[in-house]
Amino acid sequence: AARMLFTGQPVEEVRLTTPKGIVLFLEPADVRWDSGSVSC
């Protein structure tokens, strides 16, 4: 949501490194744009 707020562009996939060190590749769903905010 933060990336989409700054870029104005959709994000297809998120790369997240967990505290355990395992890398997750996750897909944002239900993206909603509003004036001054983004949620997913």
PDB file of all heavy atoms in Angstrom:
ATOM      1  N   ALA A   1       0.830  -1.206   0.000  1.00  0.00           N
ATOM      2  CA  ALA A   1       0.000   0.000   0.000  1.00  0.00           C
ATOM      3  C   ALA A   1       0.865   1.257   0.000  1.00  0.00           C
ATOM      4  O   ALA A   1       0.547   2.242  -0.686  1.00  0.00           O
ATOM      5  CB  ALA A   1      -0.927  -0.015   1.212  1.00  0.00           C
ATOM      6  N   ALA A   2       1.975   1.237   0.756  1.00  0.00           N
ATOM      7  CA  ALA A   2       2.870   2.394   0.788  1.00  0.00           C
ATOM      8  C   ALA A   2       3.492   2.641  -0.586  1.00  0.00           C
ATOM      9  O   ALA A   2       3.576   3.786  -1.051  1.00  0.00           O
ATOM     10  CB  ALA A   2       3.964   2.186   1.837  1.00  0.00           C
ATOM     11  N   ARG A   3       3.934   1.578  -1.239  1.00  0.00           N
ATOM     12  CA  ARG A   3       4.528   1.742  -2.573  1.00  0.00           C
ATOM     13  C   ARG A   3       3.515   2.311  -3.552  1.00  0.00           C
ATOM     14  O   ARG A   3       3.815   3.216  -4.346  1.00  0.00           O
ATOM     15  CB  ARG A   3       5.081   0.412  -3.078  1.00  0.00           C
ATOM     16  CG  ARG A   3       5.759   0.511  -4.456  1.00  0.00           C
ATOM     17  CD  ARG A   3       6.453  -0.767  -4.841  1.00  0.00           C
ATOM     18  NE  ARG A   3       7.603  -1.034  -3.984  1.00  0.00           N
ATOM     19  CZ  ARG A   3       8.780  -0.441  -4.121  1.00  0.00           C
ATOM     20  NH1 ARG A   3       8.984   0.474  -5.074  1.00  0.00           N
ATOM     21  NH2 ARG A   3       9.768  -0.753  -3.319  1.00  0.00           N
ATOM     22  N   MET A   4       2.290   1.793  -3.505  1.00  0.00           N
ATOM     23  CA  MET A   4       1.251   2.284  -4.422  1.00  0.00           C
ATOM     24  C   MET A   4       0.888   3.729  -4.121  1.00  0.00           C
ATOM     25  O   MET A   4       0.562   4.508  -5.030  1.00  0.00           O
ATOM     26  CB  MET A   4       0.021   1.384  -4.353  1.00  0.00           C
ATOM     27  CG  MET A   4       0.243   0.026  -5.011  1.00  0.00           C
ATOM     28  SD  MET A   4      -1.248  -1.012  -5.134  1.00  0.00           S
ATOM     29  CE  MET A   4      -1.313  -1.685  -3.462  1.00  0.00           C
ATOM     30  N   LEU A   5       0.955   4.108  -2.840  1.00  0.00           N
ATOM     31  CA  LEU A   5       0.669   5.497  -2.479  1.00  0.00           C
ATOM     32  C   LEU A   5       1.677   6.452  -3.108  1.00  0.00           C
ATOM     33  O   LEU A   5       1.315   7.528  -3.594  1.00  0.00           O
ATOM     34  CB  LEU A   5       0.686   5.632  -0.953  1.00  0.00           C
ATOM     35  CG  LEU A   5       0.341   7.005  -0.375  1.00  0.00           C
ATOM     36  CD1 LEU A   5      -1.119   7.365  -0.667  1.00  0.00           C
ATOM     37  CD2 LEU A   5       0.589   7.026   1.130  1.00  0.00           C
ATOM     38  N   PHE A   6       2.958   6.052  -3.117  1.00  0.00           N
ATOM     39  CA  PHE A   6       3.996   6.928  -3.661  1.00  0.00           C
ATOM     40  C   PHE A   6       4.081   6.885  -5.181  1.00  0.00           C
ATOM     41  O   PHE A   6       4.423   7.887  -5.807  1.00  0.00           O
ATOM     42  CB  PHE A   6       5.354   6.558  -3.065  1.00  0.00           C
ATOM     43  CG  PHE A   6       5.546   7.059  -1.653  1.00  0.00           C
ATOM     44  CD1 PHE A   6       5.578   6.175  -0.586  1.00  0.00           C
ATOM     45  CD2 PHE A   6       5.692   8.412  -1.382  1.00  0.00           C
ATOM     46  CE1 PHE A   6       5.743   6.618   0.716  1.00  0.00           C
ATOM     47  CE2 PHE A   6       5.863   8.877  -0.080  1.00  0.00           C
ATOM     48  CZ  PHE A   6       5.882   7.972   0.973  1.00  0.00           C
ATOM     49  N   THR A   7       3.802   5.727  -5.765  1.00  0.00           N
ATOM     50  CA  THR A   7       3.976   5.600  -7.220  1.00  0.00           C
ATOM     51  C   THR A   7       2.702   5.833  -8.007  1.00  0.00           C
ATOM     52  O   THR A   7       2.759   6.194  -9.185  1.00  0.00           O
ATOM     53  CB  THR A   7       4.493   4.198  -7.574  1.00  0.00           C
ATOM     54  OG1 THR A   7       3.493   3.223  -7.229  1.00  0.00           O
ATOM     55  CG2 THR A   7       5.795   3.894  -6.853  1.00  0.00           C
ATOM     56  N   GLY A   8       1.561   5.603  -7.383  1.00  0.00           N
ATOM     57  CA  GLY A   8       0.308   5.675  -8.122  1.00  0.00           C
ATOM     58  C   GLY A   8       0.111   4.504  -9.064  1.00  0.00           C
ATOM     59  O   GLY A   8      -0.805   4.503  -9.876  1.00  0.00           O
ATOM     60  N   GLN A   9       0.962   3.479  -8.938  1.00  0.00           N
ATOM     61  CA  GLN A   9       0.902   2.317  -9.816  1.00  0.00           C
ATOM     62  C   GLN A   9       0.581   1.052  -9.007  1.00  0.00           C
ATOM     63  O   GLN A   9       0.992   0.929  -7.852  1.00  0.00           O
ATOM     64  CB  GLN A   9       2.239   2.121 -10.543  1.00  0.00           C
ATOM     65  CG  GLN A   9       2.661   3.299 -11.409  1.00  0.00           C
ATOM     66  CD  GLN A   9       1.687   3.523 -12.560  1.00  0.00           C
ATOM     67  OE1 GLN A   9       1.237   2.572 -13.195  1.00  0.00           O
ATOM     68  NE2 GLN A   9       1.365   4.792 -12.806  1.00  0.00           N
ATOM     69  N   PRO A  10      -0.129   0.109  -9.599  1.00  0.00           N
ATOM     70  CA  PRO A  10      -0.443  -1.136  -8.882  1.00  0.00           C
ATOM     71  C   PRO A  10       0.817  -1.963  -8.607  1.00  0.00           C
ATOM     72  O   PRO A  10       1.803  -1.885  -9.350  1.00  0.00           O
ATOM     73  CB  PRO A  10      -1.398  -1.872  -9.813  1.00  0.00           C
ATOM     74  CG  PRO A  10      -1.144  -1.294 -11.166  1.00  0.00           C
ATOM     75  CD  PRO A  10      -0.742   0.125 -10.948  1.00  0.00           C
ATOM     76  N   VAL A  11       0.787  -2.734  -7.563  1.00  0.00           N
ATOM     77  CA  VAL A  11       1.861  -3.656  -7.207  1.00  0.00           C
ATOM     78  C   VAL A  11       1.347  -5.073  -7.400  1.00  0.00           C
ATOM     79  O   VAL A  11       0.329  -5.452  -6.812  1.00  0.00           O
ATOM     80  CB  VAL A  11       2.312  -3.447  -5.739  1.00  0.00           C
ATOM     81  CG1 VAL A  11       3.262  -4.555  -5.297  1.00  0.00           C
ATOM     82  CG2 VAL A  11       2.968  -2.079  -5.582  1.00  0.00           C
ATOM     83  N   GLU A  12       2.045  -5.846  -8.218  1.00  0.00           N
ATOM     84  CA  GLU A  12       1.596  -7.207  -8.525  1.00  0.00           C
ATOM     85  C   GLU A  12       2.058  -8.222  -7.488  1.00  0.00           C
ATOM     86  O   GLU A  12       1.394  -9.222  -7.234  1.00  0.00           O
ATOM     87  CB  GLU A  12       2.117  -7.640  -9.913  1.00  0.00           C
ATOM     88  CG  GLU A  12       1.660  -6.737 -11.057  1.00  0.00           C
ATOM     89  CD  GLU A  12       0.154  -6.756 -11.239  1.00  0.00           C
ATOM     90  OE1 GLU A  12      -0.470  -7.800 -10.944  1.00  0.00           O
ATOM     91  OE2 GLU A  12      -0.404  -5.723 -11.657  1.00  0.00           O
ATOM     92  N   GLU A  13       3.223  -7.956  -6.879  1.00  0.00           N
ATOM     93  CA  GLU A  13       3.791  -8.925  -5.950  1.00  0.00           C
ATOM     94  C   GLU A  13       4.655  -8.208  -4.914  1.00  0.00           C
ATOM     95  O   GLU A  13       5.364  -7.258  -5.238  1.00  0.00           O
ATOM     96  CB  GLU A  13       4.628  -9.956  -6.707  1.00  0.00           C
ATOM     97  CG  GLU A  13       5.141 -11.105  -5.851  1.00  0.00           C
ATOM     98  CD  GLU A  13       5.890 -12.132  -6.692  1.00  0.00           C
ATOM     99  OE1 GLU A  13       7.065 -11.862  -7.038  1.00  0.00           O
ATOM    100  OE2 GLU A  13       5.301 -13.180  -6.993  1.00  0.00           O
ATOM    101  N   VAL A  14       4.593  -8.690  -3.672  1.00  0.00           N
ATOM    102  CA  VAL A  14       5.388  -8.125  -2.577  1.00  0.00           C
ATOM    103  C   VAL A  14       6.453  -9.138  -2.178  1.00  0.00           C
ATOM    104  O   VAL A  14       6.159 -10.326  -2.010  1.00  0.00           O
ATOM    105  CB  VAL A  14       4.501  -7.819  -1.351  1.00  0.00           C
ATOM    106  CG1 VAL A  14       5.349  -7.317  -0.188  1.00  0.00           C
ATOM    107  CG2 VAL A  14       3.432  -6.807  -1.706  1.00  0.00           C
ATOM    108  N   ARG A  15       7.667  -8.651  -2.009  1.00  0.00           N
ATOM    109  CA  ARG A  15       8.747  -9.489  -1.486  1.00  0.00           C
ATOM    110  C   ARG A  15       8.960  -9.125  -0.027  1.00  0.00           C
ATOM    111  O   ARG A  15       9.273  -7.970   0.297  1.00  0.00           O
ATOM    112  CB  ARG A  15      10.030  -9.268  -2.279  1.00  0.00           C
ATOM    113  CG  ARG A  15      11.183 -10.186  -1.867  1.00  0.00           C
ATOM    114  CD  ARG A  15      12.436  -9.844  -2.653  1.00  0.00           C
ATOM    115  NE  ARG A  15      13.495 -10.825  -2.472  1.00  0.00           N
ATOM    116  CZ  ARG A  15      14.359 -10.839  -1.474  1.00  0.00           C
ATOM    117  NH1 ARG A  15      14.280  -9.901  -0.530  1.00  0.00           N
ATOM    118  NH2 ARG A  15      15.289 -11.776  -1.411  1.00  0.00           N
ATOM    119  N   LEU A  16       8.779 -10.093   0.866  1.00  0.00           N
ATOM    120  CA  LEU A  16       8.908  -9.839   2.292  1.00  0.00           C
ATOM    121  C   LEU A  16       9.870 -10.850   2.905  1.00  0.00           C
ATOM    122  O   LEU A  16       9.663 -12.062   2.792  1.00  0.00           O
ATOM    123  CB  LEU A  16       7.544  -9.966   2.985  1.00  0.00           C
ATOM    124  CG  LEU A  16       7.545  -9.758   4.505  1.00  0.00           C
ATOM    125  CD1 LEU A  16       7.661  -8.271   4.841  1.00  0.00           C
ATOM    126  CD2 LEU A  16       6.293 -10.355   5.149  1.00  0.00           C
ATOM    127  N   THR A  17      10.918 -10.348   3.571  1.00  0.00           N
ATOM    128  CA  THR A  17      11.829 -11.220   4.301  1.00  0.00           C
ATOM    129  C   THR A  17      11.353 -11.305   5.743  1.00  0.00           C
ATOM    130  O   THR A  17      11.299 -10.300   6.444  1.00  0.00           O
ATOM    131  CB  THR A  17      13.266 -10.698   4.255  1.00  0.00           C
ATOM    132  OG1 THR A  17      13.688 -10.592   2.886  1.00  0.00           O
ATOM    133  CG2 THR A  17      14.208 -11.643   4.985  1.00  0.00           C
ATOM    134  N   THR A  18      10.996 -12.487   6.185  1.00  0.00           N
ATOM    135  CA  THR A  18      10.477 -12.685   7.537  1.00  0.00           C
ATOM    136  C   THR A  18      11.617 -12.699   8.558  1.00  0.00           C
ATOM    137  O   THR A  18      12.783 -12.908   8.197  1.00  0.00           O
ATOM    138  CB  THR A  18       9.714 -14.010   7.623  1.00  0.00           C
ATOM    139  OG1 THR A  18      10.633 -15.082   7.367  1.00  0.00           O
ATOM    140  CG2 THR A  18       8.575 -14.063   6.613  1.00  0.00           C
ATOM    141  N   PRO A  19      11.309 -12.486   9.838  1.00  0.00           N
ATOM    142  CA  PRO A  19      12.353 -12.575  10.876  1.00  0.00           C
ATOM    143  C   PRO A  19      13.063 -13.923  10.883  1.00  0.00           C
ATOM    144  O   PRO A  19      14.224 -14.007  11.299  1.00  0.00           O
ATOM    145  CB  PRO A  19      11.565 -12.355  12.172  1.00  0.00           C
ATOM    146  CG  PRO A  19      10.407 -11.509  11.764  1.00  0.00           C
ATOM    147  CD  PRO A  19      10.034 -12.000  10.397  1.00  0.00           C
ATOM    148  N   LYS A  20      12.407 -14.972  10.425  1.00  0.00           N
ATOM    149  CA  LYS A  20      13.026 -16.296  10.363  1.00  0.00           C
ATOM    150  C   LYS A  20      14.012 -16.398   9.205  1.00  0.00           C
ATOM    151  O   LYS A  20      14.796 -17.350   9.119  1.00  0.00           O
ATOM    152  CB  LYS A  20      11.941 -17.364  10.229  1.00  0.00           C
ATOM    153  CG  LYS A  20      12.410 -18.790  10.504  1.00  0.00           C
ATOM    154  CD  LYS A  20      11.241 -19.767  10.427  1.00  0.00           C
ATOM    155  CE  LYS A  20      11.684 -21.192  10.715  1.00  0.00           C
ATOM    156  NZ  LYS A  20      12.043 -21.373  12.139  1.00  0.00           N
ATOM    157  N   GLY A  21      14.004 -15.412   8.307  1.00  0.00           N
ATOM    158  CA  GLY A  21      14.908 -15.422   7.161  1.00  0.00           C
ATOM    159  C   GLY A  21      14.299 -15.996   5.906  1.00  0.00           C
ATOM    160  O   GLY A  21      14.939 -15.994   4.841  1.00  0.00           O
ATOM    161  N   ILE A  22      13.083 -16.499   5.978  1.00  0.00           N
ATOM    162  CA  ILE A  22      12.396 -17.046   4.806  1.00  0.00           C
ATOM    163  C   ILE A  22      11.785 -15.897   4.024  1.00  0.00           C
ATOM    164  O   ILE A  22      11.134 -15.014   4.597  1.00  0.00           O
ATOM    165  CB  ILE A  22      11.319 -18.060   5.223  1.00  0.00           C
ATOM    166  CG1 ILE A  22      11.977 -19.281   5.862  1.00  0.00           C
ATOM    167  CG2 ILE A  22      10.452 -18.473   4.041  1.00  0.00           C
ATOM    168  CD1 ILE A  22      11.002 -20.266   6.463  1.00  0.00           C
ATOM    169  N   VAL A  23      11.994 -15.892   2.719  1.00  0.00           N
ATOM    170  CA  VAL A  23      11.469 -14.835   1.853  1.00  0.00           C
ATOM    171  C   VAL A  23      10.112 -15.264   1.297  1.00  0.00           C
ATOM    172  O   VAL A  23       9.968 -16.358   0.746  1.00  0.00           O
ATOM    173  CB  VAL A  23      12.449 -14.524   0.706  1.00  0.00           C
ATOM    174  CG1 VAL A  23      11.868 -13.453  -0.215  1.00  0.00           C
ATOM    175  CG2 VAL A  23      13.795 -14.069   1.263  1.00  0.00           C
ATOM    176  N   LEU A  24       9.131 -14.393   1.458  1.00  0.00           N
ATOM    177  CA  LEU A  24       7.795 -14.640   0.935  1.00  0.00           C
ATOM    178  C   LEU A  24       7.543 -13.758  -0.275  1.00  0.00           C
ATOM    179  O   LEU A  24       8.002 -12.616  -0.332  1.00  0.00           O
ATOM    180  CB  LEU A  24       6.738 -14.325   2.007  1.00  0.00           C
ATOM    181  CG  LEU A  24       6.839 -15.064   3.334  1.00  0.00           C
ATOM    182  CD1 LEU A  24       5.763 -14.558   4.293  1.00  0.00           C
ATOM    183  CD2 LEU A  24       6.710 -16.566   3.138  1.00  0.00           C
ATOM    184  N   PHE A  25       6.807 -14.288  -1.228  1.00  0.00           N
ATOM    185  CA  PHE A  25       6.359 -13.518  -2.382  1.00  0.00           C
ATOM    186  C   PHE A  25       4.838 -13.566  -2.366  1.00  0.00           C
ATOM    187  O   PHE A  25       4.232 -14.615  -2.633  1.00  0.00           O
ATOM    188  CB  PHE A  25       6.929 -14.105  -3.675  1.00  0.00           C
ATOM    189  CG  PHE A  25       8.426 -14.059  -3.735  1.00  0.00           C
ATOM    190  CD1 PHE A  25       9.187 -15.127  -3.290  1.00  0.00           C
ATOM    191  CD2 PHE A  25       9.083 -12.925  -4.211  1.00  0.00           C
ATOM    192  CE1 PHE A  25      10.569 -15.084  -3.326  1.00  0.00           C
ATOM    193  CE2 PHE A  25      10.471 -12.876  -4.249  1.00  0.00           C
ATOM    194  CZ  PHE A  25      11.225 -13.953  -3.808  1.00  0.00           C
ATOM    195  N   LEU A  26       4.229 -12.438  -2.038  1.00  0.00           N
ATOM    196  CA  LEU A  26       2.799 -12.404  -1.765  1.00  0.00           C
ATOM    197  C   LEU A  26       2.085 -11.446  -2.702  1.00  0.00           C
ATOM    198  O   LEU A  26       2.635 -10.405  -3.097  1.00  0.00           O
ATOM    199  CB  LEU A  26       2.563 -11.996  -0.311  1.00  0.00           C
ATOM    200  CG  LEU A  26       3.286 -12.857   0.735  1.00  0.00           C
ATOM    201  CD1 LEU A  26       3.122 -12.261   2.126  1.00  0.00           C
ATOM    202  CD2 LEU A  26       2.777 -14.290   0.698  1.00  0.00           C
ATOM    203  N   GLU A  27       0.852 -11.775  -3.014  1.00  0.00           N
ATOM    204  CA  GLU A  27       0.081 -11.015  -3.996  1.00  0.00           C
ATOM    205  C   GLU A  27      -0.957 -10.135  -3.307  1.00  0.00           C
ATOM    206  O   GLU A  27      -1.861 -10.647  -2.624  1.00  0.00           O
ATOM    207  CB  GLU A  27      -0.632 -11.975  -4.948  1.00  0.00           C
ATOM    208  CG  GLU A  27      -1.446 -11.279  -6.012  1.00  0.00           C
ATOM    209  CD  GLU A  27      -2.167 -12.271  -6.894  1.00  0.00           C
ATOM    210  OE1 GLU A  27      -1.847 -13.477  -6.838  1.00  0.00           O
ATOM    211  OE2 GLU A  27      -3.063 -11.842  -7.641  1.00  0.00           O
ATOM    212  N   PRO A  28      -0.859  -8.814  -3.456  1.00  0.00           N
ATOM    213  CA  PRO A  28      -1.876  -7.935  -2.880  1.00  0.00           C
ATOM    214  C   PRO A  28      -3.237  -8.175  -3.533  1.00  0.00           C
ATOM    215  O   PRO A  28      -3.335  -8.459  -4.727  1.00  0.00           O
ATOM    216  CB  PRO A  28      -1.367  -6.525  -3.203  1.00  0.00           C
ATOM    217  CG  PRO A  28       0.096  -6.693  -3.478  1.00  0.00           C
ATOM    218  CD  PRO A  28       0.223  -8.044  -4.112  1.00  0.00           C
ATOM    219  N   ALA A  29      -4.281  -8.081  -2.718  1.00  0.00           N
ATOM    220  CA  ALA A  29      -5.649  -8.272  -3.207  1.00  0.00           C
ATOM    221  C   ALA A  29      -6.515  -7.093  -2.782  1.00  0.00           C
ATOM    222  O   ALA A  29      -6.165  -6.349  -1.866  1.00  0.00           O
ATOM    223  CB  ALA A  29      -6.224  -9.582  -2.657  1.00  0.00           C
ATOM    224  N   ASP A  30      -7.646  -6.940  -3.464  1.00  0.00           N
ATOM    225  CA  ASP A  30      -8.646  -5.919  -3.125  1.00  0.00           C
ATOM    226  C   ASP A  30      -8.011  -4.545  -2.929  1.00  0.00           C
ATOM    227  O   ASP A  30      -8.192  -3.893  -1.905  1.00  0.00           O
ATOM    228  CB  ASP A  30      -9.416  -6.341  -1.862  1.00  0.00           C
ATOM    229  CG  ASP A  30     -10.688  -5.524  -1.657  1.00  0.00           C
ATOM    230  OD1 ASP A  30     -11.149  -4.892  -2.640  1.00  0.00           O
ATOM    231  OD2 ASP A  30     -11.203  -5.493  -0.525  1.00  0.00           O
ATOM    232  N   VAL A  31      -7.281  -4.097  -3.954  1.00  0.00           N
ATOM    233  CA  VAL A  31      -6.616  -2.791  -3.886  1.00  0.00           C
ATOM    234  C   VAL A  31      -7.666  -1.686  -4.027  1.00  0.00           C
ATOM    235  O   VAL A  31      -8.512  -1.729  -4.929  1.00  0.00           O
ATOM    236  CB  VAL A  31      -5.554  -2.665  -4.990  1.00  0.00           C
ATOM    237  CG1 VAL A  31      -4.905  -1.282  -4.941  1.00  0.00           C
ATOM    238  CG2 VAL A  31      -4.505  -3.757  -4.834  1.00  0.00           C
ATOM    239  N   ARG A  32      -7.586  -0.712  -3.137  1.00  0.00           N
ATOM    240  CA  ARG A  32      -8.547   0.404  -3.175  1.00  0.00           C
ATOM    241  C   ARG A  32      -7.785   1.720  -3.076  1.00  0.00           C
ATOM    242  O   ARG A  32      -6.959   1.908  -2.195  1.00  0.00           O
ATOM    243  CB  ARG A  32      -9.545   0.285  -2.017  1.00  0.00           C
ATOM    244  CG  ARG A  32     -10.344  -1.013  -2.034  1.00  0.00           C
ATOM    245  CD  ARG A  32     -11.363  -1.061  -0.916  1.00  0.00           C
ATOM    246  NE  ARG A  32     -12.017  -2.356  -0.854  1.00  0.00           N
ATOM    247  CZ  ARG A  32     -13.030  -2.652  -0.045  1.00  0.00           C
ATOM    248  NH1 ARG A  32     -13.505  -1.724   0.777  1.00  0.00           N
ATOM    249  NH2 ARG A  32     -13.565  -3.862  -0.049  1.00  0.00           N
ATOM    250  N   TRP A  33      -8.121   2.616  -4.005  1.00  0.00           N
ATOM    251  CA  TRP A  33      -7.496   3.928  -4.047  1.00  0.00           C
ATOM    252  C   TRP A  33      -8.517   4.953  -3.573  1.00  0.00           C
ATOM    253  O   TRP A  33      -9.689   4.902  -3.937  1.00  0.00           O
ATOM    254  CB  TRP A  33      -7.061   4.279  -5.473  1.00  0.00           C
ATOM    255  CG  TRP A  33      -6.189   3.257  -6.126  1.00  0.00           C
ATOM    256  CD1 TRP A  33      -6.582   2.087  -6.686  1.00  0.00           C
ATOM    257  CD2 TRP A  33      -4.790   3.316  -6.287  1.00  0.00           C
ATOM    258  NE1 TRP A  33      -5.514   1.397  -7.193  1.00  0.00           N
ATOM    259  CE2 TRP A  33      -4.384   2.141  -6.964  1.00  0.00           C
ATOM    260  CE3 TRP A  33      -3.808   4.254  -5.933  1.00  0.00           C
ATOM    261  CZ2 TRP A  33      -3.067   1.876  -7.288  1.00  0.00           C
ATOM    262  CZ3 TRP A  33      -2.496   3.995  -6.270  1.00  0.00           C
ATOM    263  CH2 TRP A  33      -2.128   2.816  -6.928  1.00  0.00           C
ATOM    264  N   ASP A  34      -8.075   5.874  -2.759  1.00  0.00           N
ATOM    265  CA  ASP A  34      -8.931   6.962  -2.313  1.00  0.00           C
ATOM    266  C   ASP A  34      -8.090   8.221  -2.319  1.00  0.00           C
ATOM    267  O   ASP A  34      -6.875   8.164  -2.502  1.00  0.00           O
ATOM    268  CB  ASP A  34      -9.486   6.664  -0.909  1.00  0.00           C
ATOM    269  CG  ASP A  34     -10.761   7.437  -0.618  1.00  0.00           C
ATOM    270  OD1 ASP A  34     -11.092   8.348  -1.403  1.00  0.00           O
ATOM    271  OD2 ASP A  34     -11.416   7.134   0.398  1.00  0.00           O
ATOM    272  N   SER A  35      -8.727   9.344  -2.109  1.00  0.00           N
ATOM    273  CA  SER A  35      -7.968  10.594  -2.110  1.00  0.00           C
ATOM    274  C   SER A  35      -6.996  10.600  -0.931  1.00  0.00           C
ATOM    275  O   SER A  35      -7.405  10.653   0.222  1.00  0.00           O
ATOM    276  CB  SER A  35      -8.925  11.789  -2.011  1.00  0.00           C
ATOM    277  OG  SER A  35      -9.738  11.678  -0.865  1.00  0.00           O
ATOM    278  N   GLY A  36      -5.729  10.474  -1.254  1.00  0.00           N
ATOM    279  CA  GLY A  36      -4.703  10.540  -0.226  1.00  0.00           C
ATOM    280  C   GLY A  36      -4.420   9.246   0.504  1.00  0.00           C
ATOM    281  O   GLY A  36      -3.640   9.241   1.458  1.00  0.00           O
ATOM    282  N   SER A  37      -5.021   8.131   0.093  1.00  0.00           N
ATOM    283  CA  SER A  37      -4.749   6.873   0.776  1.00  0.00           C
ATOM    284  C   SER A  37      -4.878   5.701  -0.185  1.00  0.00           C
ATOM    285  O   SER A  37      -5.543   5.792  -1.225  1.00  0.00           O
ATOM    286  CB  SER A  37      -5.703   6.661   1.954  1.00  0.00           C
ATOM    287  OG  SER A  37      -7.024   6.420   1.507  1.00  0.00           O
ATOM    288  N   VAL A  38      -4.233   4.592   0.172  1.00  0.00           N
ATOM    289  CA  VAL A  38      -4.337   3.338  -0.585  1.00  0.00           C
ATOM    290  C   VAL A  38      -4.479   2.210   0.436  1.00  0.00           C
ATOM    291  O   VAL A  38      -3.823   2.212   1.484  1.00  0.00           O
ATOM    292  CB  VAL A  38      -3.089   3.081  -1.455  1.00  0.00           C
ATOM    293  CG1 VAL A  38      -3.216   1.736  -2.181  1.00  0.00           C
ATOM    294  CG2 VAL A  38      -2.876   4.200  -2.451  1.00  0.00           C
ATOM    295  N   SER A  39      -5.345   1.241   0.125  1.00  0.00           N
ATOM    296  CA  SER A  39      -5.434   0.055   0.975  1.00  0.00           C
ATOM    297  C   SER A  39      -5.382  -1.189   0.099  1.00  0.00           C
ATOM    298  O   SER A  39      -5.769  -1.168  -1.070  1.00  0.00           O
ATOM    299  CB  SER A  39      -6.719   0.054   1.810  1.00  0.00           C
ATOM    300  OG  SER A  39      -7.845  -0.257   1.021  1.00  0.00           O
ATOM    301  N   CYS A  40      -4.885  -2.267   0.686  1.00  0.00           N
ATOM    302  CA  CYS A  40      -4.880  -3.560   0.016  1.00  0.00           C
ATOM    303  C   CYS A  40      -4.815  -4.649   1.076  1.00  0.00           C
ATOM    304  O   CYS A  40      -4.612  -4.365   2.259  1.00  0.00           O
ATOM    305  CB  CYS A  40      -3.723  -3.697  -0.974  1.00  0.00           C
ATOM    306  SG  CYS A  40      -2.093  -3.730  -0.192  1.00  0.00           S
TER     307      CYS A  40
END
